[in-house]
Amino acid sequence: VLKWDPDMIISWNRGQGGYFEGILSDPNWAEIKAVKNKEVFEIPCAPFNWFDRPPSVNRIIGLKWVANLLYPEIFPYDMEEEAKEFYSMFYHHKLTDEQLHKLLDTALRK
């Protein structure tokens, strides 16, 4: 990753086997473009990962999330509204503001 010097990093959290929590604070990663520009994002993962595993309906919203993250000018979704609608439709659950914040706080551009 250091040699690739990516413009953006999308990572699992520690609970999923990733390193999201350390990327922004690890001095070994400090010179990477994505870290310098704060383009490091955590994959939402409640109740399942939105990006890859385990296979679930969360991949549906994950497609919108990653499209919006990579190409916001082409896919200008309001991901908070998308998440509320998705969780209502697929999980019959109305996300509270606290749950929404916890789910998306480190997953979206600020």
PDB file of N, CA and C in Angstrom:
ATOM      1  N   VAL A   1       0.838  -1.185   0.000  1.00  0.00           N
ATOM      2  CA  VAL A   1       0.000   0.000   0.000  1.00  0.00           C
ATOM      3  C   VAL A   1       0.881   1.246   0.000  1.00  0.00           C
ATOM      4  N   LEU A   2       1.972   1.208   0.756  1.00  0.00           N
ATOM      5  CA  LEU A   2       2.863   2.363   0.812  1.00  0.00           C
ATOM      6  C   LEU A   2       3.418   2.703  -0.569  1.00  0.00           C
ATOM      7  N   LYS A   3       3.806   1.693  -1.326  1.00  0.00           N
ATOM      8  CA  LYS A   3       4.354   1.921  -2.671  1.00  0.00           C
ATOM      9  C   LYS A   3       3.281   2.335  -3.666  1.00  0.00           C
ATOM     10  N   TRP A   4       2.059   1.851  -3.480  1.00  0.00           N
ATOM     11  CA  TRP A   4       0.961   2.229  -4.383  1.00  0.00           C
ATOM     12  C   TRP A   4       0.569   3.682  -4.199  1.00  0.00           C
ATOM     13  N   ASP A   5       0.673   4.177  -2.963  1.00  0.00           N
ATOM     14  CA  ASP A   5       0.314   5.558  -2.626  1.00  0.00           C
ATOM     15  C   ASP A   5      -1.083   5.912  -3.159  1.00  0.00           C
ATOM     16  N   PRO A   6      -2.114   5.188  -2.709  1.00  0.00           N
ATOM     17  CA  PRO A   6      -3.465   5.394  -3.257  1.00  0.00           C
ATOM     18  C   PRO A   6      -4.059   6.747  -2.888  1.00  0.00           C
ATOM     19  N   ASP A   7      -4.975   7.205  -3.739  1.00  0.00           N
ATOM     20  CA  ASP A   7      -5.710   8.440  -3.490  1.00  0.00           C
ATOM     21  C   ASP A   7      -6.809   8.234  -2.456  1.00  0.00           C
ATOM     22  N   MET A   8      -7.273   6.988  -2.323  1.00  0.00           N
ATOM     23  CA  MET A   8      -8.342   6.667  -1.395  1.00  0.00           C
ATOM     24  C   MET A   8      -8.102   5.276  -0.823  1.00  0.00           C
ATOM     25  N   ILE A   9      -8.500   5.099   0.434  1.00  0.00           N
ATOM     26  CA  ILE A   9      -8.421   3.785   1.080  1.00  0.00           C
ATOM     27  C   ILE A   9      -9.786   3.487   1.681  1.00  0.00           C
ATOM     28  N   ILE A  10     -10.289   2.292   1.399  1.00  0.00           N
ATOM     29  CA  ILE A  10     -11.531   1.788   1.982  1.00  0.00           C
ATOM     30  C   ILE A  10     -11.129   0.567   2.792  1.00  0.00           C
ATOM     31  N   SER A  11     -11.465   0.566   4.078  1.00  0.00           N
ATOM     32  CA  SER A  11     -10.945  -0.475   4.969  1.00  0.00           C
ATOM     33  C   SER A  11     -12.016  -1.043   5.898  1.00  0.00           C
ATOM     34  N   TRP A  12     -11.817  -2.300   6.250  1.00  0.00           N
ATOM     35  CA  TRP A  12     -12.600  -2.907   7.325  1.00  0.00           C
ATOM     36  C   TRP A  12     -12.118  -2.318   8.645  1.00  0.00           C
ATOM     37  N   ASN A  13     -12.949  -2.439   9.659  1.00  0.00           N
ATOM     38  CA  ASN A  13     -12.508  -2.057  11.004  1.00  0.00           C
ATOM     39  C   ASN A  13     -11.793  -3.244  11.647  1.00  0.00           C
ATOM     40  N   ARG A  14     -11.217  -3.031  12.812  1.00  0.00           N
ATOM     41  CA  ARG A  14     -10.452  -4.081  13.501  1.00  0.00           C
ATOM     42  C   ARG A  14     -11.321  -5.314  13.774  1.00  0.00           C
ATOM     43  N   GLY A  15     -12.584  -5.114  14.136  1.00  0.00           N
ATOM     44  CA  GLY A  15     -13.482  -6.229  14.419  1.00  0.00           C
ATOM     45  C   GLY A  15     -13.708  -7.128  13.221  1.00  0.00           C
ATOM     46  N   GLN A  16     -13.504  -6.603  12.035  1.00  0.00           N
ATOM     47  CA  GLN A  16     -13.657  -7.383  10.810  1.00  0.00           C
ATOM     48  C   GLN A  16     -12.310  -7.867  10.268  1.00  0.00           C
ATOM     49  N   GLY A  17     -11.252  -7.595  10.981  1.00  0.00           N
ATOM     50  CA  GLY A  17      -9.930  -8.017  10.536  1.00  0.00           C
ATOM     51  C   GLY A  17      -9.188  -6.943   9.770  1.00  0.00           C
ATOM     52  N   GLY A  18      -9.680  -5.706   9.799  1.00  0.00           N
ATOM     53  CA  GLY A  18      -9.047  -4.620   9.070  1.00  0.00           C
ATOM     54  C   GLY A  18      -8.204  -3.736   9.961  1.00  0.00           C
ATOM     55  N   TYR A  19      -7.773  -2.617   9.384  1.00  0.00           N
ATOM     56  CA  TYR A  19      -6.855  -1.720  10.090  1.00  0.00           C
ATOM     57  C   TYR A  19      -7.350  -0.281  10.092  1.00  0.00           C
ATOM     58  N   PHE A  20      -8.643  -0.073   9.842  1.00  0.00           N
ATOM     59  CA  PHE A  20      -9.154   1.289   9.737  1.00  0.00           C
ATOM     60  C   PHE A  20      -8.706   2.170  10.890  1.00  0.00           C
ATOM     61  N   GLU A  21      -8.831   1.688  12.111  1.00  0.00           N
ATOM     62  CA  GLU A  21      -8.515   2.497  13.286  1.00  0.00           C
ATOM     63  C   GLU A  21      -7.060   2.969  13.318  1.00  0.00           C
ATOM     64  N   GLY A  22      -6.168   2.217  12.699  1.00  0.00           N
ATOM     65  CA  GLY A  22      -4.754   2.567  12.750  1.00  0.00           C
ATOM     66  C   GLY A  22      -4.235   3.377  11.580  1.00  0.00           C
ATOM     67  N   ILE A  23      -4.930   3.349  10.471  1.00  0.00           N
ATOM     68  CA  ILE A  23      -4.409   3.982   9.256  1.00  0.00           C
ATOM     69  C   ILE A  23      -4.107   5.464   9.456  1.00  0.00           C
ATOM     70  N   LEU A  24      -5.023   6.191  10.073  1.00  0.00           N
ATOM     71  CA  LEU A  24      -4.826   7.635  10.218  1.00  0.00           C
ATOM     72  C   LEU A  24      -3.831   8.007  11.306  1.00  0.00           C
ATOM     73  N   SER A  25      -3.540   7.077  12.208  1.00  0.00           N
ATOM     74  CA  SER A  25      -2.628   7.403  13.312  1.00  0.00           C
ATOM     75  C   SER A  25      -1.263   6.726  13.207  1.00  0.00           C
ATOM     76  N   ASP A  26      -1.118   5.744  12.350  1.00  0.00           N
ATOM     77  CA  ASP A  26       0.141   5.023  12.207  1.00  0.00           C
ATOM     78  C   ASP A  26       1.131   5.871  11.414  1.00  0.00           C
ATOM     79  N   PRO A  27       2.263   6.250  12.012  1.00  0.00           N
ATOM     80  CA  PRO A  27       3.234   7.095  11.303  1.00  0.00           C
ATOM     81  C   PRO A  27       3.771   6.453  10.022  1.00  0.00           C
ATOM     82  N   ASN A  28       3.733   5.134   9.925  1.00  0.00           N
ATOM     83  CA  ASN A  28       4.189   4.458   8.712  1.00  0.00           C
ATOM     84  C   ASN A  28       3.293   4.749   7.508  1.00  0.00           C
ATOM     85  N   TRP A  29       2.066   5.159   7.759  1.00  0.00           N
ATOM     86  CA  TRP A  29       1.110   5.441   6.689  1.00  0.00           C
ATOM     87  C   TRP A  29       0.973   6.945   6.424  1.00  0.00           C
ATOM     88  N   ALA A  30       1.617   7.772   7.186  1.00  0.00           N
ATOM     89  CA  ALA A  30       1.400   9.225   7.167  1.00  0.00           C
ATOM     90  C   ALA A  30       1.667   9.894   5.816  1.00  0.00           C
ATOM     91  N   GLU A  31       2.549   9.358   5.013  1.00  0.00           N
ATOM     92  CA  GLU A  31       2.905   9.995   3.749  1.00  0.00           C
ATOM     93  C   GLU A  31       2.052   9.535   2.568  1.00  0.00           C
ATOM     94  N   ILE A  32       1.109   8.641   2.801  1.00  0.00           N
ATOM     95  CA  ILE A  32       0.228   8.177   1.724  1.00  0.00           C
ATOM     96  C   ILE A  32      -0.766   9.291   1.389  1.00  0.00           C
ATOM     97  N   LYS A  33      -0.988   9.521   0.083  1.00  0.00           N
ATOM     98  CA  LYS A  33      -1.903  10.578  -0.362  1.00  0.00           C
ATOM     99  C   LYS A  33      -3.263  10.496   0.322  1.00  0.00           C
ATOM    100  N   ALA A  34      -3.822   9.294   0.372  1.00  0.00           N
ATOM    101  CA  ALA A  34      -5.152   9.125   0.967  1.00  0.00           C
ATOM    102  C   ALA A  34      -5.174   9.561   2.431  1.00  0.00           C
ATOM    103  N   VAL A  35      -4.119   9.279   3.150  1.00  0.00           N
ATOM    104  CA  VAL A  35      -4.047   9.650   4.561  1.00  0.00           C
ATOM    105  C   VAL A  35      -3.875  11.165   4.685  1.00  0.00           C
ATOM    106  N   LYS A  36      -2.963  11.725   3.909  1.00  0.00           N
ATOM    107  CA  LYS A  36      -2.735  13.172   3.936  1.00  0.00           C
ATOM    108  C   LYS A  36      -4.013  13.946   3.640  1.00  0.00           C
ATOM    109  N   ASN A  37      -4.812  13.430   2.682  1.00  0.00           N
ATOM    110  CA  ASN A  37      -6.020  14.124   2.244  1.00  0.00           C
ATOM    111  C   ASN A  37      -7.285  13.658   2.969  1.00  0.00           C
ATOM    112  N   LYS A  38      -7.098  12.823   3.984  1.00  0.00           N
ATOM    113  CA  LYS A  38      -8.221  12.305   4.778  1.00  0.00           C
ATOM    114  C   LYS A  38      -9.264  11.616   3.896  1.00  0.00           C
ATOM    115  N   GLU A  39      -8.764  10.821   2.968  1.00  0.00           N
ATOM    116  CA  GLU A  39      -9.600  10.035   2.068  1.00  0.00           C
ATOM    117  C   GLU A  39      -9.524   8.555   2.468  1.00  0.00           C
ATOM    118  N   VAL A  40      -9.730   8.291   3.757  1.00  0.00           N
ATOM    119  CA  VAL A  40      -9.705   6.949   4.323  1.00  0.00           C
ATOM    120  C   VAL A  40     -11.085   6.705   4.910  1.00  0.00           C
ATOM    121  N   PHE A  41     -11.746   5.640   4.477  1.00  0.00           N
ATOM    122  CA  PHE A  41     -13.125   5.386   4.864  1.00  0.00           C
ATOM    123  C   PHE A  41     -13.310   3.972   5.389  1.00  0.00           C
ATOM    124  N   GLU A  42     -14.174   3.880   6.386  1.00  0.00           N
ATOM    125  CA  GLU A  42     -14.495   2.591   6.993  1.00  0.00           C
ATOM    126  C   GLU A  42     -15.743   2.025   6.324  1.00  0.00           C
ATOM    127  N   ILE A  43     -15.698   0.754   5.980  1.00  0.00           N
ATOM    128  CA  ILE A  43     -16.849   0.093   5.377  1.00  0.00           C
ATOM    129  C   ILE A  43     -17.935  -0.075   6.442  1.00  0.00           C
ATOM    130  N   PRO A  44     -19.146   0.444   6.180  1.00  0.00           N
ATOM    131  CA  PRO A  44     -20.234   0.220   7.140  1.00  0.00           C
ATOM    132  C   PRO A  44     -20.471  -1.278   7.312  1.00  0.00           C
ATOM    133  N   CYS A  45     -20.851  -1.679   8.509  1.00  0.00           N
ATOM    134  CA  CYS A  45     -20.922  -3.128   8.744  1.00  0.00           C
ATOM    135  C   CYS A  45     -22.011  -3.560   9.714  1.00  0.00           C
ATOM    136  N   ALA A  46     -23.153  -2.906   9.695  1.00  0.00           N
ATOM    137  CA  ALA A  46     -24.203  -3.336  10.603  1.00  0.00           C
ATOM    138  C   ALA A  46     -25.477  -3.627   9.819  1.00  0.00           C
ATOM    139  N   PRO A  47     -26.146  -4.711  10.004  1.00  0.00           N
ATOM    140  CA  PRO A  47     -25.703  -5.824  10.818  1.00  0.00           C
ATOM    141  C   PRO A  47     -24.672  -6.692  10.097  1.00  0.00           C
ATOM    142  N   PHE A  48     -24.467  -6.410   8.797  1.00  0.00           N
ATOM    143  CA  PHE A  48     -23.445  -7.111   8.030  1.00  0.00           C
ATOM    144  C   PHE A  48     -22.674  -6.097   7.199  1.00  0.00           C
ATOM    145  N   ASN A  49     -21.496  -6.494   6.758  1.00  0.00           N
ATOM    146  CA  ASN A  49     -20.634  -5.668   5.932  1.00  0.00           C
ATOM    147  C   ASN A  49     -21.371  -5.232   4.660  1.00  0.00           C
ATOM    148  N   TRP A  50     -21.205  -3.979   4.278  1.00  0.00           N
ATOM    149  CA  TRP A  50     -21.849  -3.459   3.073  1.00  0.00           C
ATOM    150  C   TRP A  50     -21.051  -3.750   1.802  1.00  0.00           C
ATOM    151  N   PHE A  51     -19.861  -4.266   1.936  1.00  0.00           N
ATOM    152  CA  PHE A  51     -18.974  -4.349   0.776  1.00  0.00           C
ATOM    153  C   PHE A  51     -18.744  -5.765   0.272  1.00  0.00           C
ATOM    154  N   ASP A  52     -18.479  -6.698   1.185  1.00  0.00           N
ATOM    155  CA  ASP A  52     -18.136  -8.013   0.653  1.00  0.00           C
ATOM    156  C   ASP A  52     -18.646  -9.200   1.458  1.00  0.00           C
ATOM    157  N   ARG A  53     -18.288  -9.332   2.710  1.00  0.00           N
ATOM    158  CA  ARG A  53     -18.645 -10.556   3.406  1.00  0.00           C
ATOM    159  C   ARG A  53     -19.367 -10.277   4.706  1.00  0.00           C
ATOM    160  N   PRO A  54     -20.249 -11.137   5.085  1.00  0.00           N
ATOM    161  CA  PRO A  54     -20.764 -12.287   4.343  1.00  0.00           C
ATOM    162  C   PRO A  54     -21.710 -11.812   3.244  1.00  0.00           C
ATOM    163  N   PRO A  55     -21.940 -12.662   2.236  1.00  0.00           N
ATOM    164  CA  PRO A  55     -22.903 -12.290   1.204  1.00  0.00           C
ATOM    165  C   PRO A  55     -24.257 -12.001   1.863  1.00  0.00           C
ATOM    166  N   SER A  56     -24.824 -10.849   1.569  1.00  0.00           N
ATOM    167  CA  SER A  56     -26.116 -10.489   2.148  1.00  0.00           C
ATOM    168  C   SER A  56     -26.749  -9.378   1.324  1.00  0.00           C
ATOM    169  N   VAL A  57     -27.960  -8.994   1.715  1.00  0.00           N
ATOM    170  CA  VAL A  57     -28.642  -7.898   1.037  1.00  0.00           C
ATOM    171  C   VAL A  57     -27.905  -6.578   1.229  1.00  0.00           C
ATOM    172  N   ASN A  58     -27.015  -6.509   2.194  1.00  0.00           N
ATOM    173  CA  ASN A  58     -26.277  -5.265   2.420  1.00  0.00           C
ATOM    174  C   ASN A  58     -25.405  -4.892   1.233  1.00  0.00           C
ATOM    175  N   ARG A  59     -25.134  -5.828   0.367  1.00  0.00           N
ATOM    176  CA  ARG A  59     -24.370  -5.485  -0.833  1.00  0.00           C
ATOM    177  C   ARG A  59     -25.149  -4.524  -1.721  1.00  0.00           C
ATOM    178  N   ILE A  60     -26.466  -4.556  -1.630  1.00  0.00           N
ATOM    179  CA  ILE A  60     -27.291  -3.648  -2.433  1.00  0.00           C
ATOM    180  C   ILE A  60     -26.997  -2.204  -2.052  1.00  0.00           C
ATOM    181  N   ILE A  61     -27.081  -1.893  -0.773  1.00  0.00           N
ATOM    182  CA  ILE A  61     -26.774  -0.520  -0.346  1.00  0.00           C
ATOM    183  C   ILE A  61     -25.279  -0.242  -0.474  1.00  0.00           C
ATOM    184  N   GLY A  62     -24.476  -1.282  -0.359  1.00  0.00           N
ATOM    185  CA  GLY A  62     -23.033  -1.120  -0.531  1.00  0.00           C
ATOM    186  C   GLY A  62     -22.667  -0.619  -1.913  1.00  0.00           C
ATOM    187  N   LEU A  63     -23.399  -1.056  -2.931  1.00  0.00           N
ATOM    188  CA  LEU A  63     -23.149  -0.570  -4.295  1.00  0.00           C
ATOM    189  C   LEU A  63     -23.392   0.937  -4.378  1.00  0.00           C
ATOM    190  N   LYS A  64     -24.482   1.392  -3.778  1.00  0.00           N
ATOM    191  CA  LYS A  64     -24.765   2.832  -3.782  1.00  0.00           C
ATOM    192  C   LYS A  64     -23.705   3.587  -2.990  1.00  0.00           C
ATOM    193  N   TRP A  65     -23.325   3.017  -1.837  1.00  0.00           N
ATOM    194  CA  TRP A  65     -22.336   3.687  -0.982  1.00  0.00           C
ATOM    195  C   TRP A  65     -21.009   3.851  -1.714  1.00  0.00           C
ATOM    196  N   VAL A  66     -20.487   2.776  -2.287  1.00  0.00           N
ATOM    197  CA  VAL A  66     -19.168   2.864  -2.930  1.00  0.00           C
ATOM    198  C   VAL A  66     -19.237   3.706  -4.204  1.00  0.00           C
ATOM    199  N   ALA A  67     -20.350   3.646  -4.943  1.00  0.00           N
ATOM    200  CA  ALA A  67     -20.498   4.492  -6.138  1.00  0.00           C
ATOM    201  C   ALA A  67     -20.490   5.961  -5.735  1.00  0.00           C
ATOM    202  N   ASN A  68     -21.216   6.303  -4.677  1.00  0.00           N
ATOM    203  CA  ASN A  68     -21.257   7.671  -4.176  1.00  0.00           C
ATOM    204  C   ASN A  68     -19.898   8.129  -3.664  1.00  0.00           C
ATOM    205  N   LEU A  69     -19.190   7.227  -3.007  1.00  0.00           N
ATOM    206  CA  LEU A  69     -17.871   7.553  -2.467  1.00  0.00           C
ATOM    207  C   LEU A  69     -16.856   7.807  -3.587  1.00  0.00           C
ATOM    208  N   LEU A  70     -16.860   6.949  -4.606  1.00  0.00           N
ATOM    209  CA  LEU A  70     -15.886   7.063  -5.689  1.00  0.00           C
ATOM    210  C   LEU A  70     -16.258   8.115  -6.728  1.00  0.00           C
ATOM    211  N   TYR A  71     -17.548   8.243  -7.029  1.00  0.00           N
ATOM    212  CA  TYR A  71     -18.009   9.142  -8.090  1.00  0.00           C
ATOM    213  C   TYR A  71     -19.217   9.962  -7.628  1.00  0.00           C
ATOM    214  N   PRO A  72     -19.030  10.835  -6.637  1.00  0.00           N
ATOM    215  CA  PRO A  72     -20.170  11.573  -6.087  1.00  0.00           C
ATOM    216  C   PRO A  72     -20.880  12.475  -7.101  1.00  0.00           C
ATOM    217  N   GLU A  73     -20.157  12.932  -8.115  1.00  0.00           N
ATOM    218  CA  GLU A  73     -20.785  13.780  -9.125  1.00  0.00           C
ATOM    219  C   GLU A  73     -21.708  12.984 -10.045  1.00  0.00           C
ATOM    220  N   ILE A  74     -21.471  11.696 -10.187  1.00  0.00           N
ATOM    221  CA  ILE A  74     -22.308  10.836 -11.018  1.00  0.00           C
ATOM    222  C   ILE A  74     -23.407  10.169 -10.184  1.00  0.00           C
ATOM    223  N   PHE A  75     -23.082   9.820  -8.949  1.00  0.00           N
ATOM    224  CA  PHE A  75     -24.020   9.145  -8.042  1.00  0.00           C
ATOM    225  C   PHE A  75     -24.196   9.994  -6.780  1.00  0.00           C
ATOM    226  N   PRO A  76     -24.932  11.112  -6.884  1.00  0.00           N
ATOM    227  CA  PRO A  76     -25.051  12.048  -5.763  1.00  0.00           C
ATOM    228  C   PRO A  76     -26.108  11.631  -4.726  1.00  0.00           C
ATOM    229  N   TYR A  77     -25.982  10.409  -4.254  1.00  0.00           N
ATOM    230  CA  TYR A  77     -26.947   9.913  -3.269  1.00  0.00           C
ATOM    231  C   TYR A  77     -26.768  10.607  -1.920  1.00  0.00           C
ATOM    232  N   ASP A  78     -27.875  10.816  -1.241  1.00  0.00           N
ATOM    233  CA  ASP A  78     -27.845  11.221   0.162  1.00  0.00           C
ATOM    234  C   ASP A  78     -27.795   9.908   0.937  1.00  0.00           C
ATOM    235  N   MET A  79     -26.613   9.497   1.341  1.00  0.00           N
ATOM    236  CA  MET A  79     -26.451   8.165   1.916  1.00  0.00           C
ATOM    237  C   MET A  79     -27.163   7.999   3.255  1.00  0.00           C
ATOM    238  N   GLU A  80     -27.386   9.072   3.965  1.00  0.00           N
ATOM    239  CA  GLU A  80     -28.160   8.951   5.198  1.00  0.00           C
ATOM    240  C   GLU A  80     -29.597   8.567   4.870  1.00  0.00           C
ATOM    241  N   GLU A  81     -30.180   9.238   3.888  1.00  0.00           N
ATOM    242  CA  GLU A  81     -31.550   8.912   3.474  1.00  0.00           C
ATOM    243  C   GLU A  81     -31.616   7.517   2.846  1.00  0.00           C
ATOM    244  N   GLU A  82     -30.617   7.179   2.056  1.00  0.00           N
ATOM    245  CA  GLU A  82     -30.569   5.841   1.445  1.00  0.00           C
ATOM    246  C   GLU A  82     -30.508   4.757   2.524  1.00  0.00           C
ATOM    247  N   ALA A  83     -29.693   4.988   3.545  1.00  0.00           N
ATOM    248  CA  ALA A  83     -29.567   4.007   4.637  1.00  0.00           C
ATOM    249  C   ALA A  83     -30.879   3.872   5.390  1.00  0.00           C
ATOM    250  N   LYS A  84     -31.521   4.988   5.685  1.00  0.00           N
ATOM    251  CA  LYS A  84     -32.804   4.935   6.386  1.00  0.00           C
ATOM    252  C   LYS A  84     -33.823   4.121   5.589  1.00  0.00           C
ATOM    253  N   GLU A  85     -33.901   4.399   4.302  1.00  0.00           N
ATOM    254  CA  GLU A  85     -34.849   3.689   3.445  1.00  0.00           C
ATOM    255  C   GLU A  85     -34.506   2.201   3.353  1.00  0.00           C
ATOM    256  N   PHE A  86     -33.234   1.891   3.184  1.00  0.00           N
ATOM    257  CA  PHE A  86     -32.791   0.503   3.063  1.00  0.00           C
ATOM    258  C   PHE A  86     -33.109  -0.290   4.336  1.00  0.00           C
ATOM    259  N   TYR A  87     -32.752   0.251   5.484  1.00  0.00           N
ATOM    260  CA  TYR A  87     -32.972  -0.470   6.743  1.00  0.00           C
ATOM    261  C   TYR A  87     -34.459  -0.636   7.024  1.00  0.00           C
ATOM    262  N   SER A  88     -35.246   0.333   6.632  1.00  0.00           N
ATOM    263  CA  SER A  88     -36.697   0.218   6.796  1.00  0.00           C
ATOM    264  C   SER A  88     -37.244  -0.886   5.895  1.00  0.00           C
ATOM    265  N   MET A  89     -36.805  -0.904   4.643  1.00  0.00           N
ATOM    266  CA  MET A  89     -37.311  -1.869   3.675  1.00  0.00           C
ATOM    267  C   MET A  89     -36.827  -3.297   3.949  1.00  0.00           C
ATOM    268  N   PHE A  90     -35.545  -3.469   4.190  1.00  0.00           N
ATOM    269  CA  PHE A  90     -34.984  -4.816   4.317  1.00  0.00           C
ATOM    270  C   PHE A  90     -34.958  -5.362   5.735  1.00  0.00           C
ATOM    271  N   TYR A  91     -34.869  -4.494   6.719  1.00  0.00           N
ATOM    272  CA  TYR A  91     -34.777  -4.954   8.109  1.00  0.00           C
ATOM    273  C   TYR A  91     -35.971  -4.527   8.966  1.00  0.00           C
ATOM    274  N   HIS A  92     -36.911  -3.795   8.342  1.00  0.00           N
ATOM    275  CA  HIS A  92     -38.097  -3.321   9.076  1.00  0.00           C
ATOM    276  C   HIS A  92     -37.680  -2.621  10.361  1.00  0.00           C
ATOM    277  N   HIS A  93     -36.650  -1.784  10.217  1.00  0.00           N
ATOM    278  CA  HIS A  93     -36.079  -1.089  11.361  1.00  0.00           C
ATOM    279  C   HIS A  93     -35.879   0.380  11.009  1.00  0.00           C
ATOM    280  N   LYS A  94     -36.376   1.249  11.848  1.00  0.00           N
ATOM    281  CA  LYS A  94     -36.161   2.684  11.653  1.00  0.00           C
ATOM    282  C   LYS A  94     -34.887   3.073  12.392  1.00  0.00           C
ATOM    283  N   LEU A  95     -33.870   3.458  11.629  1.00  0.00           N
ATOM    284  CA  LEU A  95     -32.601   3.854  12.229  1.00  0.00           C
ATOM    285  C   LEU A  95     -32.775   5.134  13.037  1.00  0.00           C
ATOM    286  N   THR A  96     -32.246   5.143  14.239  1.00  0.00           N
ATOM    287  CA  THR A  96     -32.221   6.365  15.029  1.00  0.00           C
ATOM    288  C   THR A  96     -31.069   7.228  14.525  1.00  0.00           C
ATOM    289  N   ASP A  97     -31.073   8.490  14.905  1.00  0.00           N
ATOM    290  CA  ASP A  97     -29.971   9.376  14.522  1.00  0.00           C
ATOM    291  C   ASP A  97     -28.647   8.848  15.074  1.00  0.00           C
ATOM    292  N   GLU A  98     -28.666   8.313  16.277  1.00  0.00           N
ATOM    293  CA  GLU A  98     -27.455   7.755  16.886  1.00  0.00           C
ATOM    294  C   GLU A  98     -26.957   6.543  16.101  1.00  0.00           C
ATOM    295  N   GLN A  99     -27.855   5.654  15.706  1.00  0.00           N
ATOM    296  CA  GLN A  99     -27.459   4.482  14.926  1.00  0.00           C
ATOM    297  C   GLN A  99     -26.915   4.900  13.564  1.00  0.00           C
ATOM    298  N   LEU A 100     -27.563   5.864  12.946  1.00  0.00           N
ATOM    299  CA  LEU A 100     -27.125   6.357  11.642  1.00  0.00           C
ATOM    300  C   LEU A 100     -25.737   6.972  11.738  1.00  0.00           C
ATOM    301  N   HIS A 101     -25.515   7.753  12.780  1.00  0.00           N
ATOM    302  CA  HIS A 101     -24.206   8.370  13.008  1.00  0.00           C
ATOM    303  C   HIS A 101     -23.130   7.298  13.197  1.00  0.00           C
ATOM    304  N   LYS A 102     -23.425   6.307  14.024  1.00  0.00           N
ATOM    305  CA  LYS A 102     -22.462   5.236  14.280  1.00  0.00           C
ATOM    306  C   LYS A 102     -22.146   4.451  13.008  1.00  0.00           C
ATOM    307  N   LEU A 103     -23.160   4.222  12.186  1.00  0.00           N
ATOM    308  CA  LEU A 103     -23.011   3.453  10.958  1.00  0.00           C
ATOM    309  C   LEU A 103     -22.205   4.188   9.893  1.00  0.00           C
ATOM    310  N   LEU A 104     -22.424   5.499   9.769  1.00  0.00           N
ATOM    311  CA  LEU A 104     -21.857   6.242   8.635  1.00  0.00           C
ATOM    312  C   LEU A 104     -20.794   7.276   8.974  1.00  0.00           C
ATOM    313  N   ASP A 105     -20.546   7.522  10.230  1.00  0.00           N
ATOM    314  CA  ASP A 105     -19.638   8.601  10.628  1.00  0.00           C
ATOM    315  C   ASP A 105     -18.263   8.515   9.966  1.00  0.00           C
ATOM    316  N   THR A 106     -17.706   7.356   9.853  1.00  0.00           N
ATOM    317  CA  THR A 106     -16.370   7.195   9.268  1.00  0.00           C
ATOM    318  C   THR A 106     -16.427   6.635   7.850  1.00  0.00           C
ATOM    319  N   ALA A 107     -17.638   6.580   7.289  1.00  0.00           N
ATOM    320  CA  ALA A 107     -17.814   5.973   5.964  1.00  0.00           C
ATOM    321  C   ALA A 107     -18.086   6.994   4.866  1.00  0.00           C
ATOM    322  N   LEU A 108     -18.268   8.251   5.246  1.00  0.00           N
ATOM    323  CA  LEU A 108     -18.621   9.272   4.273  1.00  0.00           C
ATOM    324  C   LEU A 108     -17.667  10.452   4.321  1.00  0.00           C
ATOM    325  N   ARG A 109     -17.604  11.179   3.211  1.00  0.00           N
ATOM    326  CA  ARG A 109     -16.841  12.427   3.180  1.00  0.00           C
ATOM    327  C   ARG A 109     -17.551  13.439   4.070  1.00  0.00           C
ATOM    328  N   LYS A 110     -16.773  14.281   4.691  1.00  0.00           N
ATOM    329  CA  LYS A 110     -17.365  15.301   5.564  1.00  0.00           C
ATOM    330  C   LYS A 110     -17.278  16.662   4.939  1.00  0.00           C
TER     331      LYS A 110
END
